[in-house]
Amino acid sequence: MEDKIDILQVGTNQMELVDFRMFEQKDDGSVYEGIYGINIAKVKEIIKYPNVIKIPSKESLLEGVYNLRGEVIPIVSLAKWLNIKEPKDITTRKVIITMFNNITVGFIVHDAKRIRRISWRFVKSPSEVLKNQYGNKIVGTINLDEEHVMLILDFESICEELGVFSEEDIKRIEKVAIEESQNVKKVKILIADDSSTARKIIKKAVAPLADKIIETTDGQEAWDLLNKLYEKSNGDIKNEVDIIITDVEMPNMDGYRLTKLIKEDDRFKAIPVIMNTSLSGSANLQKAKEVGVDDFCTKFIADEFTKAVVDNIN
């Protein structure tokens, strides 16, 4: 799968998704097949449902743990997280082993179908109906055809519920930022991130360093806003934005494409771009370098993130 990642040219707003399915038992006895996607850049491998060591807890999202070649991996029930009533006769269950935020987690799915290559411009923010149904669990949707829609889950929210990062982590980030803010000037920061969980943490992290924080929810919105601010400032964009912090995975336009546009444009290329993403590992760092990013850090490592911001304050 790592080879599949590398065939995509960076900055073209393309990605590859693993198409997986979750089956839901309805009250009338019918079974609904939900279509979901996860960025292949987060996927290490997909395995048949293994011999999981059970954890005795009805409330926990954890089904148990699994020893994969010497690494003990938490195995998460997506059905529990999505509040799905599982049919009893499922025989196709698989586990998607993922790597993001520098941690390895396995997610139980009911089936894994194929790999789809998609442009981020076809990924749209969830409708109000989906927001009401799923809350913050869905960050994007893709219309596959007239009858089928793929949902993209907010894995940052899953991590938050699992306690991978908590209020204590946020306080630690804030503490580091407050200490560093004594020695640097306050700056205007533009954030591009589709996850409300991530934006909340980022805002708290940079608040002590910020004169102004501007939020956008995807790369296209950030790019459009940059152009408007350029016009508003009569070409003096540094009066409006000092630093850009962007996620990678976002509807409409991803962070790689946004960074590429910024760094190839004489109006904006001097603005430092920090890529703050759950996509960890050397392959993703290399992709970021190819589009000209100024710094790259993994969500939500306090020292790493704050150092990246402070190092890019001019």
C-alpha atoms as a PDB file:
ATOM      1  CA  MET A   1       0.000   0.000   0.000  1.00  0.00           C
ATOM      2  CA  GLU A   2       2.923   2.359   0.586  1.00  0.00           C
ATOM      3  CA  ASP A   3       3.780   1.980  -3.113  1.00  0.00           C
ATOM      4  CA  LYS A   4       0.207   2.993  -3.993  1.00  0.00           C
ATOM      5  CA  ILE A   5       0.634   6.236  -2.061  1.00  0.00           C
ATOM      6  CA  ASP A   6       3.748   7.236  -3.965  1.00  0.00           C
ATOM      7  CA  ILE A   7       2.235   7.033  -7.450  1.00  0.00           C
ATOM      8  CA  LEU A   8       0.138  10.138  -6.775  1.00  0.00           C
ATOM      9  CA  GLN A   9       1.747  13.401  -7.769  1.00  0.00           C
ATOM     10  CA  VAL A  10       1.822  15.747  -4.787  1.00  0.00           C
ATOM     11  CA  GLY A  11      -0.178  18.972  -4.970  1.00  0.00           C
ATOM     12  CA  THR A  12      -2.707  17.831  -7.602  1.00  0.00           C
ATOM     13  CA  ASN A  13      -5.532  17.666  -5.031  1.00  0.00           C
ATOM     14  CA  GLN A  14      -5.848  13.900  -5.512  1.00  0.00           C
ATOM     15  CA  MET A  15      -5.990  11.140  -2.915  1.00  0.00           C
ATOM     16  CA  GLU A  16      -6.699   7.455  -2.646  1.00  0.00           C
ATOM     17  CA  LEU A  17      -9.299   6.085  -0.266  1.00  0.00           C
ATOM     18  CA  VAL A  18      -9.960   2.609   1.059  1.00  0.00           C
ATOM     19  CA  ASP A  19     -13.683   1.987   0.453  1.00  0.00           C
ATOM     20  CA  PHE A  20     -15.031   0.037   3.447  1.00  0.00           C
ATOM     21  CA  ARG A  21     -18.527  -0.949   4.521  1.00  0.00           C
ATOM     22  CA  MET A  22     -20.501  -1.006   7.761  1.00  0.00           C
ATOM     23  CA  PHE A  23     -23.781  -2.964   7.894  1.00  0.00           C
ATOM     24  CA  GLU A  24     -26.610  -1.802  10.155  1.00  0.00           C
ATOM     25  CA  GLN A  25     -29.549  -3.906  11.337  1.00  0.00           C
ATOM     26  CA  LYS A  26     -32.719  -1.830  11.015  1.00  0.00           C
ATOM     27  CA  ASP A  27     -35.820  -2.210  13.210  1.00  0.00           C
ATOM     28  CA  ASP A  28     -37.823  -3.610  10.276  1.00  0.00           C
ATOM     29  CA  GLY A  29     -35.325  -6.457   9.843  1.00  0.00           C
ATOM     30  CA  SER A  30     -33.587  -5.003   6.773  1.00  0.00           C
ATOM     31  CA  VAL A  31     -29.841  -4.404   6.633  1.00  0.00           C
ATOM     32  CA  TYR A  32     -28.429  -1.063   5.495  1.00  0.00           C
ATOM     33  CA  GLU A  33     -24.986  -0.997   3.863  1.00  0.00           C
ATOM     34  CA  GLY A  34     -23.106   2.188   4.735  1.00  0.00           C
ATOM     35  CA  ILE A  35     -20.172   3.255   2.569  1.00  0.00           C
ATOM     36  CA  TYR A  36     -17.185   4.875   4.274  1.00  0.00           C
ATOM     37  CA  GLY A  37     -13.711   5.961   3.246  1.00  0.00           C
ATOM     38  CA  ILE A  38     -10.310   6.354   4.888  1.00  0.00           C
ATOM     39  CA  ASN A  39      -7.257   7.961   3.295  1.00  0.00           C
ATOM     40  CA  ILE A  40      -4.858   5.216   2.253  1.00  0.00           C
ATOM     41  CA  ALA A  41      -2.012   7.340   3.631  1.00  0.00           C
ATOM     42  CA  LYS A  42      -3.305   6.396   7.103  1.00  0.00           C
ATOM     43  CA  VAL A  43      -3.534   2.665   6.347  1.00  0.00           C
ATOM     44  CA  LYS A  44      -0.693   0.272   7.179  1.00  0.00           C
ATOM     45  CA  GLU A  45      -2.542  -2.911   6.215  1.00  0.00           C
ATOM     46  CA  ILE A  46      -5.921  -4.644   6.249  1.00  0.00           C
ATOM     47  CA  ILE A  47      -6.252  -8.010   7.994  1.00  0.00           C
ATOM     48  CA  LYS A  48      -8.980 -10.561   8.621  1.00  0.00           C
ATOM     49  CA  TYR A  49     -10.609 -10.224  12.026  1.00  0.00           C
ATOM     50  CA  PRO A  50      -7.943 -11.668  14.328  1.00  0.00           C
ATOM     51  CA  ASN A  51      -7.908 -13.390  17.703  1.00  0.00           C
ATOM     52  CA  VAL A  52      -8.512 -10.250  19.760  1.00  0.00           C
ATOM     53  CA  ILE A  53      -7.770 -10.229  23.485  1.00  0.00           C
ATOM     54  CA  LYS A  54     -11.066  -8.917  24.846  1.00  0.00           C
ATOM     55  CA  ILE A  55     -11.340  -5.982  27.246  1.00  0.00           C
ATOM     56  CA  PRO A  56     -14.305  -6.427  29.641  1.00  0.00           C
ATOM     57  CA  SER A  57     -16.073  -3.075  29.248  1.00  0.00           C
ATOM     58  CA  LYS A  58     -19.487  -2.406  27.724  1.00  0.00           C
ATOM     59  CA  GLU A  59     -18.878   1.336  27.551  1.00  0.00           C
ATOM     60  CA  SER A  60     -15.456   1.316  25.903  1.00  0.00           C
ATOM     61  CA  LEU A  61     -15.009   1.697  22.161  1.00  0.00           C
ATOM     62  CA  LEU A  62     -12.157  -0.777  22.480  1.00  0.00           C
ATOM     63  CA  GLU A  63     -13.015  -4.313  21.438  1.00  0.00           C
ATOM     64  CA  GLY A  64      -9.667  -5.409  22.850  1.00  0.00           C
ATOM     65  CA  VAL A  65      -6.024  -5.567  21.808  1.00  0.00           C
ATOM     66  CA  TYR A  66      -4.125  -7.625  19.239  1.00  0.00           C
ATOM     67  CA  ASN A  67      -0.477  -8.618  19.076  1.00  0.00           C
ATOM     68  CA  LEU A  68       0.591  -7.909  15.490  1.00  0.00           C
ATOM     69  CA  ARG A  69       4.146  -9.131  14.959  1.00  0.00           C
ATOM     70  CA  GLY A  70       5.180  -8.074  18.452  1.00  0.00           C
ATOM     71  CA  GLU A  71       3.260  -4.754  18.527  1.00  0.00           C
ATOM     72  CA  VAL A  72       0.221  -4.653  20.819  1.00  0.00           C
ATOM     73  CA  ILE A  73      -2.464  -2.684  18.982  1.00  0.00           C
ATOM     74  CA  PRO A  74      -5.772  -1.370  20.380  1.00  0.00           C
ATOM     75  CA  ILE A  75      -8.718  -2.617  18.332  1.00  0.00           C
ATOM     76  CA  VAL A  76     -11.620  -0.153  18.086  1.00  0.00           C
ATOM     77  CA  SER A  77     -15.226  -0.974  17.270  1.00  0.00           C
ATOM     78  CA  LEU A  78     -16.400   1.504  14.640  1.00  0.00           C
ATOM     79  CA  ALA A  79     -19.913   0.122  14.996  1.00  0.00           C
ATOM     80  CA  LYS A  80     -19.977   1.243  18.646  1.00  0.00           C
ATOM     81  CA  TRP A  81     -18.573   4.658  17.778  1.00  0.00           C
ATOM     82  CA  LEU A  82     -21.178   5.130  15.035  1.00  0.00           C
ATOM     83  CA  ASN A  83     -23.965   3.711  17.237  1.00  0.00           C
ATOM     84  CA  ILE A  84     -24.668   1.026  14.649  1.00  0.00           C
ATOM     85  CA  LYS A  85     -26.623  -2.111  15.575  1.00  0.00           C
ATOM     86  CA  GLU A  86     -24.620  -4.890  13.952  1.00  0.00           C
ATOM     87  CA  PRO A  87     -26.316  -7.831  12.187  1.00  0.00           C
ATOM     88  CA  LYS A  88     -25.514 -11.079  13.963  1.00  0.00           C
ATOM     89  CA  ASP A  89     -24.580 -13.059  10.842  1.00  0.00           C
ATOM     90  CA  ILE A  90     -21.640 -10.955   9.562  1.00  0.00           C
ATOM     91  CA  THR A  91     -18.810 -13.221   8.380  1.00  0.00           C
ATOM     92  CA  THR A  92     -16.647 -10.718   6.479  1.00  0.00           C
ATOM     93  CA  ARG A  93     -15.300  -8.594   9.352  1.00  0.00           C
ATOM     94  CA  LYS A  94     -11.848  -7.117   8.801  1.00  0.00           C
ATOM     95  CA  VAL A  95      -9.539  -4.809  10.721  1.00  0.00           C
ATOM     96  CA  ILE A  96      -7.983  -1.759   9.088  1.00  0.00           C
ATOM     97  CA  ILE A  97      -4.632  -1.181  10.809  1.00  0.00           C
ATOM     98  CA  THR A  98      -3.955   2.560  10.742  1.00  0.00           C
ATOM     99  CA  MET A  99      -1.075   4.856  11.611  1.00  0.00           C
ATOM    100  CA  PHE A 100      -1.854   8.480  12.403  1.00  0.00           C
ATOM    101  CA  ASN A 101      -0.962  10.971  15.129  1.00  0.00           C
ATOM    102  CA  ASN A 102       2.107   8.750  15.641  1.00  0.00           C
ATOM    103  CA  ILE A 103      -0.039   5.925  17.024  1.00  0.00           C
ATOM    104  CA  THR A 104      -1.155   2.588  15.572  1.00  0.00           C
ATOM    105  CA  VAL A 105      -4.832   1.647  15.958  1.00  0.00           C
ATOM    106  CA  GLY A 106      -6.964  -1.080  14.403  1.00  0.00           C
ATOM    107  CA  PHE A 107     -10.563  -0.353  13.364  1.00  0.00           C
ATOM    108  CA  ILE A 108     -13.091  -3.150  12.918  1.00  0.00           C
ATOM    109  CA  VAL A 109     -15.059  -2.828   9.670  1.00  0.00           C
ATOM    110  CA  HIS A 110     -17.592  -5.206   8.161  1.00  0.00           C
ATOM    111  CA  ASP A 111     -15.970  -5.356   4.729  1.00  0.00           C
ATOM    112  CA  ALA A 112     -13.264  -3.630   2.680  1.00  0.00           C
ATOM    113  CA  LYS A 113     -14.120  -3.352  -0.999  1.00  0.00           C
ATOM    114  CA  ARG A 114     -11.595  -1.454  -3.083  1.00  0.00           C
ATOM    115  CA  ILE A 115      -9.303   1.552  -3.425  1.00  0.00           C
ATOM    116  CA  ARG A 116     -10.798   4.664  -5.012  1.00  0.00           C
ATOM    117  CA  ARG A 117      -8.852   7.581  -6.446  1.00  0.00           C
ATOM    118  CA  ILE A 118     -10.730  10.810  -5.717  1.00  0.00           C
ATOM    119  CA  SER A 119     -10.158  14.529  -6.201  1.00  0.00           C
ATOM    120  CA  TRP A 120     -10.575  16.501  -3.000  1.00  0.00           C
ATOM    121  CA  ARG A 121     -12.775  18.933  -4.927  1.00  0.00           C
ATOM    122  CA  PHE A 122     -15.454  16.233  -4.977  1.00  0.00           C
ATOM    123  CA  VAL A 123     -15.310  15.908  -1.181  1.00  0.00           C
ATOM    124  CA  LYS A 124     -17.954  18.166   0.315  1.00  0.00           C
ATOM    125  CA  SER A 125     -18.719  19.196   3.870  1.00  0.00           C
ATOM    126  CA  PRO A 126     -21.556  17.222   5.506  1.00  0.00           C
ATOM    127  CA  SER A 127     -25.103  18.475   5.039  1.00  0.00           C
ATOM    128  CA  GLU A 128     -27.108  19.708   8.018  1.00  0.00           C
ATOM    129  CA  VAL A 129     -29.049  16.425   7.959  1.00  0.00           C
ATOM    130  CA  LEU A 130     -25.826  14.406   8.344  1.00  0.00           C
ATOM    131  CA  LYS A 131     -24.523  16.784  11.023  1.00  0.00           C
ATOM    132  CA  ASN A 132     -27.729  16.246  12.993  1.00  0.00           C
ATOM    133  CA  GLN A 133     -27.411  12.477  12.609  1.00  0.00           C
ATOM    134  CA  TYR A 134     -23.668  12.055  13.163  1.00  0.00           C
ATOM    135  CA  GLY A 135     -22.632  15.212  15.020  1.00  0.00           C
ATOM    136  CA  ASN A 136     -18.935  15.923  14.449  1.00  0.00           C
ATOM    137  CA  LYS A 137     -18.156  12.351  13.438  1.00  0.00           C
ATOM    138  CA  ILE A 138     -18.334  13.057   9.689  1.00  0.00           C
ATOM    139  CA  VAL A 139     -15.966  15.560   8.037  1.00  0.00           C
ATOM    140  CA  GLY A 140     -16.746  14.942   4.368  1.00  0.00           C
ATOM    141  CA  THR A 141     -19.037  13.273   1.838  1.00  0.00           C
ATOM    142  CA  ILE A 142     -18.516  12.057  -1.731  1.00  0.00           C
ATOM    143  CA  ASN A 143     -21.336  11.393  -4.185  1.00  0.00           C
ATOM    144  CA  LEU A 144     -20.267   8.134  -5.858  1.00  0.00           C
ATOM    145  CA  ASP A 145     -23.346   8.054  -8.116  1.00  0.00           C
ATOM    146  CA  GLU A 146     -27.020   9.055  -7.982  1.00  0.00           C
ATOM    147  CA  GLU A 147     -27.794   6.535  -5.237  1.00  0.00           C
ATOM    148  CA  HIS A 148     -24.602   6.103  -3.203  1.00  0.00           C
ATOM    149  CA  VAL A 149     -22.713   8.481  -0.906  1.00  0.00           C
ATOM    150  CA  MET A 150     -19.397   7.783   0.825  1.00  0.00           C
ATOM    151  CA  LEU A 151     -18.832   9.258   4.287  1.00  0.00           C
ATOM    152  CA  ILE A 152     -15.382  10.247   5.579  1.00  0.00           C
ATOM    153  CA  LEU A 153     -14.992   9.985   9.338  1.00  0.00           C
ATOM    154  CA  ASP A 154     -13.280  12.447  11.685  1.00  0.00           C
ATOM    155  CA  PHE A 155     -10.548  10.265  13.151  1.00  0.00           C
ATOM    156  CA  GLU A 156      -9.390  13.159  15.368  1.00  0.00           C
ATOM    157  CA  SER A 157     -12.741  12.848  17.169  1.00  0.00           C
ATOM    158  CA  ILE A 158     -12.211   9.116  17.618  1.00  0.00           C
ATOM    159  CA  CYS A 159      -8.791   9.811  19.142  1.00  0.00           C
ATOM    160  CA  GLU A 160     -10.306  12.378  21.481  1.00  0.00           C
ATOM    161  CA  GLU A 161     -12.925   9.879  22.695  1.00  0.00           C
ATOM    162  CA  LEU A 162     -10.222   7.243  23.178  1.00  0.00           C
ATOM    163  CA  GLY A 163      -8.236   9.701  25.277  1.00  0.00           C
ATOM    164  CA  VAL A 164      -5.304   9.801  22.837  1.00  0.00           C
ATOM    165  CA  PHE A 165      -5.313  13.536  23.426  1.00  0.00           C
ATOM    166  CA  SER A 166      -7.282  15.123  26.233  1.00  0.00           C
ATOM    167  CA  GLU A 167      -7.743  18.346  28.170  1.00  0.00           C
ATOM    168  CA  GLU A 168      -4.404  17.633  29.840  1.00  0.00           C
ATOM    169  CA  ASP A 169      -2.714  17.572  26.443  1.00  0.00           C
ATOM    170  CA  ILE A 170      -4.363  20.867  25.529  1.00  0.00           C
ATOM    171  CA  LYS A 171      -3.204  22.428  28.810  1.00  0.00           C
ATOM    172  CA  ARG A 172       0.336  21.206  28.127  1.00  0.00           C
ATOM    173  CA  ILE A 173       0.270  22.781  24.664  1.00  0.00           C
ATOM    174  CA  GLU A 174      -1.043  26.045  26.115  1.00  0.00           C
ATOM    175  CA  LYS A 175       1.659  26.040  28.812  1.00  0.00           C
ATOM    176  CA  VAL A 176       4.436  25.671  26.232  1.00  0.00           C
ATOM    177  CA  ALA A 177       2.894  28.412  24.083  1.00  0.00           C
ATOM    178  CA  ILE A 178       2.599  30.808  27.037  1.00  0.00           C
ATOM    179  CA  GLU A 179       6.258  30.243  27.930  1.00  0.00           C
ATOM    180  CA  GLU A 180       7.370  30.844  24.340  1.00  0.00           C
ATOM    181  CA  SER A 181       5.132  33.888  23.872  1.00  0.00           C
ATOM    182  CA  GLN A 182       7.302  35.934  26.241  1.00  0.00           C
ATOM    183  CA  ASN A 183      10.071  36.062  23.650  1.00  0.00           C
ATOM    184  CA  VAL A 184       8.253  36.591  20.348  1.00  0.00           C
ATOM    185  CA  LYS A 185       5.940  39.124  18.785  1.00  0.00           C
ATOM    186  CA  LYS A 186       2.211  38.455  18.439  1.00  0.00           C
ATOM    187  CA  VAL A 187       1.213  37.360  14.930  1.00  0.00           C
ATOM    188  CA  LYS A 188      -1.851  37.004  12.702  1.00  0.00           C
ATOM    189  CA  ILE A 189      -2.519  33.298  12.103  1.00  0.00           C
ATOM    190  CA  LEU A 190      -4.686  31.712   9.411  1.00  0.00           C
ATOM    191  CA  ILE A 191      -5.886  28.169  10.212  1.00  0.00           C
ATOM    192  CA  ALA A 192      -7.203  25.742   7.589  1.00  0.00           C
ATOM    193  CA  ASP A 193      -8.638  22.552   9.107  1.00  0.00           C
ATOM    194  CA  ASP A 194     -11.938  20.748   8.542  1.00  0.00           C
ATOM    195  CA  SER A 195     -12.036  19.105  11.984  1.00  0.00           C
ATOM    196  CA  SER A 196     -13.749  21.207  14.661  1.00  0.00           C
ATOM    197  CA  THR A 197     -11.854  19.188  17.272  1.00  0.00           C
ATOM    198  CA  ALA A 198      -8.526  20.045  15.656  1.00  0.00           C
ATOM    199  CA  ARG A 199      -9.391  23.745  15.244  1.00  0.00           C
ATOM    200  CA  LYS A 200     -10.353  23.965  18.916  1.00  0.00           C
ATOM    201  CA  ILE A 201      -7.001  22.547  20.006  1.00  0.00           C
ATOM    202  CA  ILE A 202      -4.995  24.640  17.527  1.00  0.00           C
ATOM    203  CA  LYS A 203      -6.704  27.873  18.627  1.00  0.00           C
ATOM    204  CA  LYS A 204      -5.951  27.166  22.271  1.00  0.00           C
ATOM    205  CA  ALA A 205      -2.371  26.292  21.374  1.00  0.00           C
ATOM    206  CA  VAL A 206      -1.630  29.466  19.419  1.00  0.00           C
ATOM    207  CA  ALA A 207      -3.762  31.936  21.417  1.00  0.00           C
ATOM    208  CA  PRO A 208      -0.812  33.175  23.547  1.00  0.00           C
ATOM    209  CA  LEU A 209       1.181  33.780  20.344  1.00  0.00           C
ATOM    210  CA  ALA A 210      -1.599  35.339  18.308  1.00  0.00           C
ATOM    211  CA  ASP A 211      -2.626  38.910  17.645  1.00  0.00           C
ATOM    212  CA  LYS A 212      -5.462  37.545  15.492  1.00  0.00           C
ATOM    213  CA  ILE A 213      -6.722  34.063  14.563  1.00  0.00           C
ATOM    214  CA  ILE A 214      -8.632  33.469  11.325  1.00  0.00           C
ATOM    215  CA  GLU A 215     -10.404  30.118  10.869  1.00  0.00           C
ATOM    216  CA  THR A 216     -11.212  28.352   7.597  1.00  0.00           C
ATOM    217  CA  THR A 217     -12.563  24.838   7.157  1.00  0.00           C
ATOM    218  CA  ASP A 218     -10.773  23.709   3.988  1.00  0.00           C
ATOM    219  CA  GLY A 219      -8.017  24.633   1.558  1.00  0.00           C
ATOM    220  CA  GLN A 220     -10.323  26.249  -0.984  1.00  0.00           C
ATOM    221  CA  GLU A 221     -11.837  28.542   1.640  1.00  0.00           C
ATOM    222  CA  ALA A 222      -8.338  29.469   2.850  1.00  0.00           C
ATOM    223  CA  TRP A 223      -7.130  30.170  -0.699  1.00  0.00           C
ATOM    224  CA  ASP A 224     -10.179  32.313  -1.525  1.00  0.00           C
ATOM    225  CA  LEU A 225      -9.745  34.243   1.724  1.00  0.00           C
ATOM    226  CA  LEU A 226      -6.051  34.871   1.044  1.00  0.00           C
ATOM    227  CA  ASN A 227      -6.941  36.437  -2.284  1.00  0.00           C
ATOM    228  CA  LYS A 228      -9.616  38.618  -0.687  1.00  0.00           C
ATOM    229  CA  LEU A 229      -7.202  39.741   2.030  1.00  0.00           C
ATOM    230  CA  TYR A 230      -4.608  40.587  -0.614  1.00  0.00           C
ATOM    231  CA  GLU A 231      -7.102  42.879  -2.326  1.00  0.00           C
ATOM    232  CA  LYS A 232      -8.222  44.360   0.987  1.00  0.00           C
ATOM    233  CA  SER A 233      -4.622  45.154   1.979  1.00  0.00           C
ATOM    234  CA  ASN A 234      -3.798  46.690  -1.415  1.00  0.00           C
ATOM    235  CA  GLY A 235      -1.125  44.080  -1.936  1.00  0.00           C
ATOM    236  CA  ASP A 236       0.419  44.224   1.548  1.00  0.00           C
ATOM    237  CA  ILE A 237      -0.639  40.714   2.658  1.00  0.00           C
ATOM    238  CA  LYS A 238       1.787  40.723   5.622  1.00  0.00           C
ATOM    239  CA  ASN A 239      -0.546  43.202   7.307  1.00  0.00           C
ATOM    240  CA  GLU A 240      -3.249  40.503   7.244  1.00  0.00           C
ATOM    241  CA  VAL A 241      -1.530  37.111   7.659  1.00  0.00           C
ATOM    242  CA  ASP A 242       1.838  36.223   9.208  1.00  0.00           C
ATOM    243  CA  ILE A 243       1.600  32.426   9.378  1.00  0.00           C
ATOM    244  CA  ILE A 244      -0.638  29.753   7.828  1.00  0.00           C
ATOM    245  CA  ILE A 245      -1.345  26.499   9.688  1.00  0.00           C
ATOM    246  CA  THR A 246      -2.967  23.875   7.479  1.00  0.00           C
ATOM    247  CA  ASP A 247      -4.203  20.329   7.757  1.00  0.00           C
ATOM    248  CA  VAL A 248      -3.647  17.932   4.829  1.00  0.00           C
ATOM    249  CA  GLU A 249      -6.985  16.119   4.516  1.00  0.00           C
ATOM    250  CA  MET A 250      -9.753  18.640   3.787  1.00  0.00           C
ATOM    251  CA  PRO A 251     -12.812  18.827   1.515  1.00  0.00           C
ATOM    252  CA  ASN A 252     -12.625  20.789  -1.759  1.00  0.00           C
ATOM    253  CA  MET A 253      -8.851  21.392  -1.576  1.00  0.00           C
ATOM    254  CA  ASP A 254      -6.256  19.534   0.494  1.00  0.00           C
ATOM    255  CA  GLY A 255      -3.295  21.034   2.327  1.00  0.00           C
ATOM    256  CA  TYR A 256      -0.747  19.872  -0.249  1.00  0.00           C
ATOM    257  CA  ARG A 257      -2.584  21.697  -3.043  1.00  0.00           C
ATOM    258  CA  LEU A 258      -3.087  24.809  -0.884  1.00  0.00           C
ATOM    259  CA  THR A 259       0.618  24.927   0.002  1.00  0.00           C
ATOM    260  CA  LYS A 260       1.647  24.413  -3.618  1.00  0.00           C
ATOM    261  CA  LEU A 261      -0.575  27.309  -4.750  1.00  0.00           C
ATOM    262  CA  ILE A 262       0.809  29.579  -2.011  1.00  0.00           C
ATOM    263  CA  LYS A 263       4.468  28.763  -2.688  1.00  0.00           C
ATOM    264  CA  GLU A 264       4.115  29.183  -6.459  1.00  0.00           C
ATOM    265  CA  ASP A 265       2.441  32.595  -6.120  1.00  0.00           C
ATOM    266  CA  ASP A 266       4.723  35.627  -5.756  1.00  0.00           C
ATOM    267  CA  ARG A 267       2.060  37.393  -3.683  1.00  0.00           C
ATOM    268  CA  PHE A 268       2.018  34.751  -0.945  1.00  0.00           C
ATOM    269  CA  LYS A 269       5.164  32.623  -1.133  1.00  0.00           C
ATOM    270  CA  ALA A 270       6.924  34.534   1.690  1.00  0.00           C
ATOM    271  CA  ILE A 271       4.208  33.552   4.208  1.00  0.00           C
ATOM    272  CA  PRO A 272       5.404  30.576   6.301  1.00  0.00           C
ATOM    273  CA  VAL A 273       3.168  27.502   5.940  1.00  0.00           C
ATOM    274  CA  ILE A 274       3.083  24.967   8.764  1.00  0.00           C
ATOM    275  CA  MET A 275       1.510  21.604   7.965  1.00  0.00           C
ATOM    276  CA  ASN A 276      -0.152  20.222  11.100  1.00  0.00           C
ATOM    277  CA  THR A 277      -1.541  16.800  10.268  1.00  0.00           C
ATOM    278  CA  SER A 278      -2.465  13.402  11.638  1.00  0.00           C
ATOM    279  CA  LEU A 279      -0.604  11.876   8.663  1.00  0.00           C
ATOM    280  CA  SER A 280       2.660  10.957  10.347  1.00  0.00           C
ATOM    281  CA  GLY A 281       5.757   9.284   8.927  1.00  0.00           C
ATOM    282  CA  SER A 282       8.608  10.047   6.535  1.00  0.00           C
ATOM    283  CA  ALA A 283       6.575   9.508   3.354  1.00  0.00           C
ATOM    284  CA  ASN A 284       4.142  12.274   4.297  1.00  0.00           C
ATOM    285  CA  LEU A 285       6.981  14.558   5.403  1.00  0.00           C
ATOM    286  CA  GLN A 286       8.570  14.088   1.970  1.00  0.00           C
ATOM    287  CA  LYS A 287       5.299  15.001   0.257  1.00  0.00           C
ATOM    288  CA  ALA A 288       5.097  18.181   2.343  1.00  0.00           C
ATOM    289  CA  LYS A 289       8.658  19.147   1.369  1.00  0.00           C
ATOM    290  CA  GLU A 290       7.863  18.648  -2.307  1.00  0.00           C
ATOM    291  CA  VAL A 291       5.180  21.353  -2.208  1.00  0.00           C
ATOM    292  CA  GLY A 292       7.430  23.756  -0.279  1.00  0.00           C
ATOM    293  CA  VAL A 293       6.046  23.627   3.249  1.00  0.00           C
ATOM    294  CA  ASP A 294       8.095  25.557   5.823  1.00  0.00           C
ATOM    295  CA  ASP A 295       7.451  23.180   8.712  1.00  0.00           C
ATOM    296  CA  PHE A 296       5.702  19.851   9.305  1.00  0.00           C
ATOM    297  CA  CYS A 297       4.368  18.534  12.603  1.00  0.00           C
ATOM    298  CA  THR A 298       2.117  15.761  13.800  1.00  0.00           C
ATOM    299  CA  LYS A 299      -1.119  16.462  15.657  1.00  0.00           C
ATOM    300  CA  PHE A 300      -1.008  17.122  18.633  1.00  0.00           C
ATOM    301  CA  ILE A 301       2.534  17.007  19.983  1.00  0.00           C
ATOM    302  CA  ALA A 302       2.890  20.089  22.192  1.00  0.00           C
ATOM    303  CA  ASP A 303       6.606  20.868  21.910  1.00  0.00           C
ATOM    304  CA  GLU A 304       6.784  20.024  18.202  1.00  0.00           C
ATOM    305  CA  PHE A 305       3.782  22.141  17.250  1.00  0.00           C
ATOM    306  CA  THR A 306       4.657  25.203  19.343  1.00  0.00           C
ATOM    307  CA  LYS A 307       8.299  25.096  18.186  1.00  0.00           C
ATOM    308  CA  ALA A 308       7.125  25.064  14.557  1.00  0.00           C
ATOM    309  CA  VAL A 309       5.002  28.192  15.119  1.00  0.00           C
ATOM    310  CA  VAL A 310       7.685  30.047  17.099  1.00  0.00           C
ATOM    311  CA  ASP A 311      10.429  29.169  14.613  1.00  0.00           C
ATOM    312  CA  ASN A 312       8.386  30.721  11.806  1.00  0.00           C
ATOM    313  CA  ILE A 313       7.534  33.989  13.522  1.00  0.00           C
ATOM    314  CA  ASN A 314       9.586  36.627  11.694  1.00  0.00           C
END
